[in-house]
Amino acid sequence: MNTNESTKRTIKGFGIGLALLFGFMLLQDIDVNAQMMRQERRQDRRENRQERREDRRDARQDGYEDGLREGAEDARARRRANAQAESEYRRAGGENNQRERQAYRTGFIQGYREGYNRYRRSTRIIRNRRGY
């Protein structure tokens, strides 16, 4: 075997090795990118869930405050307690989706009961002090 053939084989082997190395590096880079994309999607989903939870929490708080006001108003006017008859309850505060509307209504009912009962108790205490 002469030196020229040996050199050609070495160069050919080196080229194949280089091509394999480059291919492995390329595949590794693709795998890393895919893994990063999966992590980003996971993080996005996590953030979306958190935002939805916060939206429902806000809707519930808004409902509670509206219910508290409406309940106290009905008690002051000596109307029968009926949270579901209130237009705010039925409209669900104009919330965007079903879960937010449900959260609003849950908060509304809780606030309505507290507002209605709180006002009724305070008027009973005042009446009792006055001797009614």
Protein backbone atom coordinates (compact mmCIF):
# COMPACT_ATOMS: atom_id res chain seq x y z
CA MET A 1 0.00 0.00 0.00
CA ASN A 2 1.46 3.28 -0.93
CA THR A 3 1.39 6.46 1.07
CA ASN A 4 -1.01 8.18 -1.27
CA GLU A 5 -3.73 5.53 -0.77
CA SER A 6 -3.20 5.53 2.96
CA THR A 7 -3.61 9.29 3.05
CA LYS A 8 -6.80 9.08 0.98
CA ARG A 9 -8.26 6.49 3.37
CA THR A 10 -7.34 8.62 6.36
CA ILE A 11 -8.91 11.70 4.81
CA LYS A 12 -11.98 9.71 3.80
CA GLY A 13 -12.27 8.24 7.30
CA PHE A 14 -11.75 11.66 8.81
CA GLY A 15 -14.51 13.09 6.57
CA ILE A 16 -16.92 10.35 7.60
CA GLY A 17 -16.04 10.87 11.25
CA LEU A 18 -16.49 14.62 10.86
CA ALA A 19 -19.85 14.10 9.17
CA LEU A 20 -20.98 11.79 11.98
CA LEU A 21 -19.80 14.23 14.61
CA PHE A 22 -21.61 17.08 12.88
CA GLY A 23 -24.76 14.95 12.61
CA PHE A 24 -24.68 14.09 16.31
CA MET A 25 -24.17 17.74 17.20
CA LEU A 26 -27.08 18.73 15.00
CA LEU A 27 -29.34 16.08 16.54
CA GLN A 28 -28.31 17.12 20.03
CA ASP A 29 -29.12 20.75 19.22
CA ILE A 30 -32.56 19.75 17.88
CA ASP A 31 -33.23 17.72 21.02
CA VAL A 32 -32.19 20.64 23.27
CA ASN A 33 -34.44 23.02 21.30
CA ALA A 34 -37.38 20.63 21.53
CA GLN A 35 -36.84 20.25 25.27
CA MET A 36 -36.70 24.04 25.70
CA MET A 37 -39.90 24.43 23.69
CA ARG A 38 -41.66 21.83 25.88
CA GLN A 39 -40.51 23.67 29.01
CA GLU A 40 -41.73 27.00 27.61
CA ARG A 41 -45.14 25.50 26.74
CA ARG A 42 -45.37 24.01 30.24
CA GLN A 43 -44.53 27.38 31.76
CA ASP A 44 -47.11 29.11 29.53
CA ARG A 45 -49.80 26.63 30.61
CA ARG A 46 -48.83 27.15 34.26
CA GLU A 47 -49.08 30.93 33.85
CA ASN A 48 -52.44 30.63 32.06
CA ARG A 49 -53.83 28.49 34.89
CA GLN A 50 -52.60 31.02 37.43
CA GLU A 51 -54.22 33.87 35.49
CA ARG A 52 -57.52 31.97 35.31
CA ARG A 53 -57.38 31.33 39.07
CA GLU A 54 -56.77 35.01 39.70
CA ASP A 55 -59.63 35.95 37.36
CA ARG A 56 -61.98 33.64 39.26
CA ARG A 57 -60.74 35.00 42.59
CA ASP A 58 -61.38 38.56 41.36
CA ALA A 59 -64.83 37.61 40.07
CA ARG A 60 -65.71 36.01 43.41
CA GLN A 61 -64.55 39.12 45.28
CA ASP A 62 -66.55 41.38 42.96
CA GLY A 63 -69.61 39.19 43.49
CA TYR A 64 -69.13 39.24 47.25
CA GLU A 65 -68.94 43.04 47.35
CA ASP A 66 -72.00 43.42 45.10
CA GLY A 67 -73.92 40.85 47.15
CA LEU A 68 -72.99 42.55 50.42
CA ARG A 69 -74.36 45.85 49.12
CA GLU A 70 -77.53 44.32 47.64
CA GLY A 71 -78.23 42.20 50.74
CA ALA A 72 -77.94 45.20 53.07
CA GLU A 73 -80.16 47.23 50.73
CA ASP A 74 -82.86 44.53 50.69
CA ALA A 75 -82.72 44.23 54.49
CA ARG A 76 -83.03 48.02 54.85
CA ALA A 77 -86.03 48.03 52.53
CA ARG A 78 -87.45 45.06 54.49
CA ARG A 79 -87.67 42.93 51.38
CA ARG A 80 -87.55 39.18 51.60
CA ALA A 81 -84.05 37.75 51.16
CA ASN A 82 -83.67 36.37 47.63
CA ALA A 83 -80.19 36.67 46.17
CA GLN A 84 -81.06 34.81 42.95
CA ALA A 85 -83.73 37.39 42.10
CA GLU A 86 -81.16 40.19 41.94
CA SER A 87 -80.24 41.38 38.45
CA GLU A 88 -76.53 41.47 39.35
CA TYR A 89 -76.69 37.79 40.31
CA ARG A 90 -78.45 36.85 37.08
CA ARG A 91 -76.04 38.86 34.94
CA ALA A 92 -73.10 37.49 36.94
CA GLY A 93 -71.43 40.86 36.85
CA GLY A 94 -70.78 40.59 33.12
CA GLU A 95 -68.00 38.03 33.63
CA ASN A 96 -66.40 36.42 30.57
CA ASN A 97 -66.71 32.68 30.99
CA GLN A 98 -68.75 30.09 32.84
CA ARG A 99 -66.25 29.51 35.64
CA GLU A 100 -65.92 33.23 36.31
CA ARG A 101 -69.71 33.64 36.28
CA GLN A 102 -70.03 30.77 38.75
CA ALA A 103 -67.33 32.28 40.98
CA TYR A 104 -69.12 35.65 40.86
CA ARG A 105 -72.44 34.07 41.80
CA THR A 106 -70.89 32.09 44.65
CA GLY A 107 -69.34 35.27 46.02
CA PHE A 108 -72.57 37.18 45.47
CA ILE A 109 -74.65 34.73 47.49
CA GLN A 110 -72.14 34.72 50.34
CA GLY A 111 -71.97 38.53 50.38
CA TYR A 112 -75.73 38.87 50.07
CA ARG A 113 -76.37 36.64 53.08
CA GLU A 114 -73.80 38.46 55.16
CA GLY A 115 -75.07 41.90 54.13
CA TYR A 116 -78.70 40.95 54.74
CA ASN A 117 -78.04 39.32 58.11
CA ARG A 118 -75.59 41.97 59.26
CA TYR A 119 -78.08 44.77 58.59
CA ARG A 120 -80.96 42.84 60.18
CA ARG A 121 -78.89 42.15 63.31
CA SER A 122 -77.82 45.76 63.63
CA THR A 123 -81.43 47.00 63.33
CA ARG A 124 -82.58 44.43 65.91
CA ILE A 125 -79.92 45.62 68.33
CA ILE A 126 -80.96 49.23 67.79
CA ARG A 127 -84.67 48.34 68.24
CA ASN A 128 -83.90 46.38 71.41
CA ARG A 129 -81.95 49.30 72.85
CA ARG A 130 -84.85 51.62 72.10
CA GLY A 131 -87.32 49.23 73.67
CA TYR A 132 -89.28 48.20 70.55
